[in-house]
Amino acid sequence: MIRPCWELAKRPEFADLKLWKWAHMLGFRGHFSTKSRSYFTTLGALRDARRTWRTEQTRAHAGLPAPDPSTTVVGHWAYLGTGYSPGAALLAAHVWHSKELERQFAAEGGC
């Protein structure tokens, strides 16, 4: 089937199909056709449908009520900074100092 694809790709009426480009995929057995925007679906659409179905399946299995369409859930993430807050930094320094004293004590032959 690869050779006919190469032969048909040489014809001007099939040039826009780019058969030569896809001839190597004939034995792939994957989902190559869904990765193109020129087809009726995309892998993103399939993932969304699978996520929706799995969420509904899990919700039903757990016995949770159906979501209320009038309720809006807003998820918002904001970058607040890196590192400890001043109080947490003081606590972390104290814990580190205590552990360091324990290590030194054990290294010097303590109990």
N, C-alpha and C. Protein backbone atom coordinates (compact mmCIF):
# COMPACT_ATOMS: atom_id res chain seq x y z
N MET A 1 0.82 -1.20 0.00
CA MET A 1 0.00 0.00 0.00
C MET A 1 0.86 1.26 0.00
N ILE A 2 2.10 1.14 0.47
CA ILE A 2 2.97 2.31 0.49
C ILE A 2 3.34 2.74 -0.92
N ARG A 3 3.69 1.76 -1.77
CA ARG A 3 4.07 2.09 -3.13
C ARG A 3 2.93 2.78 -3.90
N PRO A 4 1.67 2.30 -3.84
CA PRO A 4 0.59 3.04 -4.51
C PRO A 4 0.43 4.47 -3.97
N CYS A 5 0.66 4.65 -2.68
CA CYS A 5 0.59 6.01 -2.13
C CYS A 5 1.65 6.90 -2.76
N TRP A 6 2.86 6.38 -2.92
CA TRP A 6 3.91 7.17 -3.54
C TRP A 6 3.58 7.48 -4.99
N GLU A 7 3.02 6.50 -5.69
CA GLU A 7 2.66 6.71 -7.09
C GLU A 7 1.53 7.73 -7.23
N LEU A 8 0.52 7.61 -6.36
CA LEU A 8 -0.59 8.57 -6.42
C LEU A 8 -0.14 9.97 -6.01
N ALA A 9 0.84 10.06 -5.15
CA ALA A 9 1.33 11.36 -4.70
C ALA A 9 1.99 12.13 -5.83
N LYS A 10 2.45 11.42 -6.86
CA LYS A 10 3.08 12.08 -8.00
C LYS A 10 2.06 12.73 -8.93
N ARG A 11 0.82 12.34 -8.83
CA ARG A 11 -0.23 12.90 -9.70
C ARG A 11 -0.68 14.27 -9.18
N PRO A 12 -0.88 15.22 -10.07
CA PRO A 12 -1.24 16.58 -9.64
C PRO A 12 -2.58 16.64 -8.92
N GLU A 13 -3.54 15.79 -9.29
CA GLU A 13 -4.87 15.85 -8.66
C GLU A 13 -4.86 15.38 -7.21
N PHE A 14 -3.81 14.65 -6.80
CA PHE A 14 -3.69 14.19 -5.42
C PHE A 14 -2.58 14.91 -4.64
N ALA A 15 -2.02 15.94 -5.22
CA ALA A 15 -0.89 16.63 -4.59
C ALA A 15 -1.27 17.24 -3.24
N ASP A 16 -2.49 17.76 -3.13
CA ASP A 16 -2.89 18.41 -1.87
C ASP A 16 -3.11 17.41 -0.74
N LEU A 17 -3.22 16.11 -1.04
CA LEU A 17 -3.40 15.10 0.00
C LEU A 17 -2.09 14.74 0.71
N LYS A 18 -0.96 15.07 0.09
CA LYS A 18 0.36 14.78 0.65
C LYS A 18 0.50 13.30 1.05
N LEU A 19 0.10 12.42 0.14
CA LEU A 19 0.16 10.99 0.40
C LEU A 19 1.58 10.50 0.68
N TRP A 20 2.56 11.09 0.04
CA TRP A 20 3.95 10.68 0.25
C TRP A 20 4.37 10.91 1.70
N LYS A 21 3.79 11.95 2.31
CA LYS A 21 4.16 12.30 3.67
C LYS A 21 3.62 11.29 4.69
N TRP A 22 2.45 10.69 4.38
CA TRP A 22 1.79 9.81 5.32
C TRP A 22 1.87 8.33 4.96
N ALA A 23 2.56 7.98 3.90
CA ALA A 23 2.64 6.58 3.45
C ALA A 23 3.29 5.69 4.51
N HIS A 24 4.25 6.20 5.24
CA HIS A 24 4.93 5.39 6.25
C HIS A 24 4.04 5.06 7.44
N MET A 25 2.91 5.74 7.57
CA MET A 25 2.02 5.52 8.71
C MET A 25 1.00 4.41 8.46
N LEU A 26 1.02 3.79 7.31
CA LEU A 26 -0.01 2.79 6.99
C LEU A 26 0.03 1.59 7.93
N GLY A 27 1.16 1.21 8.44
CA GLY A 27 1.24 0.07 9.34
C GLY A 27 1.31 0.47 10.81
N PHE A 28 1.05 1.71 11.13
CA PHE A 28 1.24 2.23 12.49
C PHE A 28 0.22 1.72 13.48
N ARG A 29 -1.03 1.62 13.13
CA ARG A 29 -2.14 1.17 13.97
C ARG A 29 -2.44 2.14 15.12
N GLY A 30 -1.99 3.37 15.03
CA GLY A 30 -2.24 4.36 16.07
C GLY A 30 -3.38 5.29 15.68
N HIS A 31 -3.43 6.40 16.34
CA HIS A 31 -4.49 7.38 16.07
C HIS A 31 -3.94 8.56 15.30
N PHE A 32 -3.23 8.30 14.23
CA PHE A 32 -2.62 9.38 13.48
C PHE A 32 -3.65 10.33 12.89
N SER A 33 -4.83 9.82 12.55
CA SER A 33 -5.82 10.68 11.90
C SER A 33 -6.45 11.68 12.84
N THR A 34 -6.42 11.43 14.15
CA THR A 34 -7.05 12.37 15.08
C THR A 34 -6.10 13.47 15.50
N LYS A 35 -4.86 13.43 15.07
CA LYS A 35 -3.91 14.46 15.44
C LYS A 35 -3.95 15.64 14.48
N SER A 36 -4.74 15.58 13.46
CA SER A 36 -4.79 16.64 12.48
C SER A 36 -6.05 17.48 12.67
N ARG A 37 -5.91 18.78 12.49
CA ARG A 37 -7.07 19.67 12.62
C ARG A 37 -8.01 19.56 11.43
N SER A 38 -7.55 18.93 10.35
CA SER A 38 -8.41 18.84 9.17
C SER A 38 -9.44 17.73 9.29
N TYR A 39 -9.36 16.90 10.32
CA TYR A 39 -10.33 15.85 10.53
C TYR A 39 -11.40 16.32 11.51
N PHE A 40 -12.41 15.52 11.73
CA PHE A 40 -13.57 15.95 12.52
C PHE A 40 -13.31 16.05 14.01
N THR A 41 -12.25 15.47 14.51
CA THR A 41 -11.98 15.54 15.94
C THR A 41 -10.48 15.67 16.18
N THR A 42 -10.13 16.06 17.37
CA THR A 42 -8.73 16.19 17.74
C THR A 42 -8.50 15.39 19.01
N LEU A 43 -7.25 15.16 19.34
CA LEU A 43 -6.94 14.46 20.57
C LEU A 43 -7.37 15.27 21.79
N GLY A 44 -7.32 16.59 21.69
CA GLY A 44 -7.79 17.44 22.79
C GLY A 44 -9.27 17.26 23.05
N ALA A 45 -10.05 17.17 21.97
CA ALA A 45 -11.49 16.95 22.13
C ALA A 45 -11.76 15.57 22.73
N LEU A 46 -11.00 14.58 22.31
CA LEU A 46 -11.16 13.24 22.88
C LEU A 46 -10.80 13.23 24.37
N ARG A 47 -9.72 13.94 24.74
CA ARG A 47 -9.33 14.02 26.15
C ARG A 47 -10.41 14.70 26.98
N ASP A 48 -10.98 15.79 26.45
CA ASP A 48 -12.04 16.50 27.17
C ASP A 48 -13.26 15.61 27.38
N ALA A 49 -13.64 14.87 26.34
CA ALA A 49 -14.80 13.98 26.44
C ALA A 49 -14.52 12.86 27.45
N ARG A 50 -13.29 12.31 27.42
CA ARG A 50 -12.93 11.26 28.36
C ARG A 50 -12.91 11.79 29.79
N ARG A 51 -12.40 13.01 29.99
CA ARG A 51 -12.36 13.61 31.32
C ARG A 51 -13.78 13.82 31.86
N THR A 52 -14.68 14.32 31.02
CA THR A 52 -16.06 14.54 31.42
C THR A 52 -16.73 13.22 31.79
N TRP A 53 -16.54 12.21 30.96
CA TRP A 53 -17.15 10.90 31.21
C TRP A 53 -16.62 10.30 32.50
N ARG A 54 -15.28 10.36 32.71
CA ARG A 54 -14.68 9.80 33.92
C ARG A 54 -15.15 10.54 35.17
N THR A 55 -15.27 11.86 35.08
CA THR A 55 -15.75 12.65 36.22
C THR A 55 -17.17 12.25 36.58
N GLU A 56 -18.02 12.11 35.57
CA GLU A 56 -19.41 11.72 35.81
C GLU A 56 -19.48 10.31 36.38
N GLN A 57 -18.66 9.41 35.85
CA GLN A 57 -18.64 8.03 36.33
C GLN A 57 -18.20 7.98 37.79
N THR A 58 -17.17 8.71 38.16
CA THR A 58 -16.68 8.74 39.53
C THR A 58 -17.70 9.36 40.46
N ARG A 59 -18.33 10.45 40.01
CA ARG A 59 -19.36 11.12 40.82
C ARG A 59 -20.52 10.18 41.11
N ALA A 60 -20.97 9.45 40.09
CA ALA A 60 -22.08 8.52 40.27
C ALA A 60 -21.68 7.36 41.18
N HIS A 61 -20.46 6.86 41.03
CA HIS A 61 -20.00 5.74 41.85
C HIS A 61 -19.88 6.14 43.32
N ALA A 62 -19.48 7.39 43.58
CA ALA A 62 -19.34 7.87 44.95
C ALA A 62 -20.68 8.28 45.55
N GLY A 63 -21.73 8.32 44.74
CA GLY A 63 -23.05 8.69 45.23
C GLY A 63 -23.20 10.18 45.49
N LEU A 64 -22.40 10.99 44.81
CA LEU A 64 -22.49 12.43 44.98
C LEU A 64 -23.61 13.00 44.12
N PRO A 65 -24.23 14.09 44.55
CA PRO A 65 -25.30 14.68 43.74
C PRO A 65 -24.74 15.32 42.47
N ALA A 66 -25.61 15.48 41.50
CA ALA A 66 -25.20 16.12 40.25
C ALA A 66 -24.85 17.58 40.53
N PRO A 67 -23.86 18.12 39.82
CA PRO A 67 -23.48 19.51 40.07
C PRO A 67 -24.61 20.47 39.70
N ASP A 68 -24.75 21.51 40.49
CA ASP A 68 -25.78 22.52 40.26
C ASP A 68 -25.30 23.47 39.16
N PRO A 69 -26.00 23.56 38.03
CA PRO A 69 -25.54 24.43 36.94
C PRO A 69 -25.56 25.91 37.30
N SER A 70 -26.32 26.28 38.34
CA SER A 70 -26.37 27.70 38.72
C SER A 70 -25.18 28.09 39.60
N THR A 71 -24.42 27.09 40.06
CA THR A 71 -23.26 27.37 40.91
C THR A 71 -22.03 27.55 40.04
N THR A 72 -21.29 28.57 40.33
CA THR A 72 -20.07 28.84 39.59
C THR A 72 -18.88 28.65 40.51
N VAL A 73 -17.95 27.85 40.07
CA VAL A 73 -16.73 27.63 40.84
C VAL A 73 -15.61 28.33 40.10
N VAL A 74 -14.94 29.22 40.80
CA VAL A 74 -13.85 29.97 40.19
C VAL A 74 -12.56 29.54 40.85
N GLY A 75 -11.68 29.03 40.05
CA GLY A 75 -10.36 28.66 40.55
C GLY A 75 -9.38 29.76 40.18
N HIS A 76 -8.69 30.30 41.14
CA HIS A 76 -7.77 31.40 40.87
C HIS A 76 -6.44 31.13 41.57
N TRP A 77 -5.38 31.19 40.83
CA TRP A 77 -4.05 31.01 41.38
C TRP A 77 -3.28 32.31 41.20
N ALA A 78 -2.57 32.70 42.22
CA ALA A 78 -1.75 33.91 42.14
C ALA A 78 -0.40 33.63 42.77
N TYR A 79 0.63 34.15 42.20
CA TYR A 79 1.98 33.99 42.72
C TYR A 79 2.16 34.95 43.90
N LEU A 80 2.47 34.40 45.06
CA LEU A 80 2.62 35.22 46.25
C LEU A 80 4.07 35.38 46.67
N GLY A 81 4.94 34.60 46.14
CA GLY A 81 6.34 34.74 46.50
C GLY A 81 7.01 33.40 46.68
N THR A 82 8.30 33.43 46.97
CA THR A 82 9.09 32.23 47.14
C THR A 82 9.68 32.22 48.54
N GLY A 83 9.72 31.06 49.14
CA GLY A 83 10.36 30.92 50.44
C GLY A 83 9.36 30.97 51.58
N TYR A 84 9.92 31.01 52.79
CA TYR A 84 9.10 31.01 53.99
C TYR A 84 8.59 32.42 54.31
N SER A 85 7.49 32.46 55.03
CA SER A 85 7.06 33.72 55.63
C SER A 85 8.02 34.00 56.79
N PRO A 86 8.06 35.22 57.33
CA PRO A 86 9.00 35.49 58.41
C PRO A 86 8.85 34.55 59.61
N GLY A 87 7.63 34.26 60.02
CA GLY A 87 7.41 33.35 61.14
C GLY A 87 7.83 31.93 60.83
N ALA A 88 7.51 31.47 59.63
CA ALA A 88 7.89 30.12 59.22
C ALA A 88 9.40 30.01 59.07
N ALA A 89 10.06 31.09 58.63
CA ALA A 89 11.52 31.07 58.50
C ALA A 89 12.17 30.93 59.87
N LEU A 90 11.64 31.62 60.87
CA LEU A 90 12.17 31.52 62.22
C LEU A 90 12.01 30.10 62.77
N LEU A 91 10.84 29.52 62.54
CA LEU A 91 10.58 28.15 62.99
C LEU A 91 11.49 27.15 62.27
N ALA A 92 11.66 27.31 60.96
CA ALA A 92 12.53 26.42 60.19
C ALA A 92 13.97 26.54 60.65
N ALA A 93 14.43 27.75 60.95
CA ALA A 93 15.80 27.94 61.44
C ALA A 93 15.98 27.27 62.79
N HIS A 94 14.98 27.34 63.64
CA HIS A 94 15.06 26.69 64.95
C HIS A 94 15.13 25.16 64.80
N VAL A 95 14.31 24.60 63.93
CA VAL A 95 14.32 23.16 63.70
C VAL A 95 15.67 22.74 63.13
N TRP A 96 16.20 23.50 62.17
CA TRP A 96 17.49 23.17 61.56
C TRP A 96 18.59 23.21 62.62
N HIS A 97 18.58 24.25 63.47
CA HIS A 97 19.59 24.39 64.52
C HIS A 97 19.51 23.21 65.50
N SER A 98 18.31 22.82 65.89
CA SER A 98 18.14 21.68 66.81
C SER A 98 18.68 20.40 66.19
N LYS A 99 18.35 20.15 64.94
CA LYS A 99 18.84 18.95 64.25
C LYS A 99 20.36 18.98 64.13
N GLU A 100 20.93 20.16 63.87
CA GLU A 100 22.38 20.28 63.74
C GLU A 100 23.06 19.98 65.08
N LEU A 101 22.51 20.44 66.17
CA LEU A 101 23.06 20.13 67.49
C LEU A 101 22.99 18.63 67.77
N GLU A 102 21.89 17.99 67.38
CA GLU A 102 21.76 16.53 67.55
C GLU A 102 22.82 15.80 66.74
N ARG A 103 23.08 16.25 65.51
CA ARG A 103 24.09 15.61 64.67
C ARG A 103 25.49 15.76 65.29
N GLN A 104 25.78 16.97 65.78
CA GLN A 104 27.09 17.19 66.39
C GLN A 104 27.26 16.34 67.64
N PHE A 105 26.21 16.26 68.44
CA PHE A 105 26.25 15.45 69.65
C PHE A 105 26.50 13.98 69.33
N ALA A 106 25.80 13.48 68.30
CA ALA A 106 25.98 12.06 67.90
C ALA A 106 27.36 11.85 67.31
N ALA A 107 27.90 12.83 66.59
CA ALA A 107 29.24 12.69 65.98
C ALA A 107 30.33 12.69 67.05
N GLU A 108 30.08 13.36 68.16
CA GLU A 108 31.08 13.42 69.24
C GLU A 108 30.99 12.21 70.17
N GLY A 109 30.12 11.26 69.84
CA GLY A 109 30.01 10.05 70.63
C GLY A 109 28.95 10.11 71.71
N GLY A 110 28.00 11.01 71.57
CA GLY A 110 26.92 11.09 72.53
C GLY A 110 25.96 9.92 72.40
N CYS A 111 25.00 9.84 73.25
CA CYS A 111 24.05 8.73 73.26
C CYS A 111 23.27 8.65 72.00
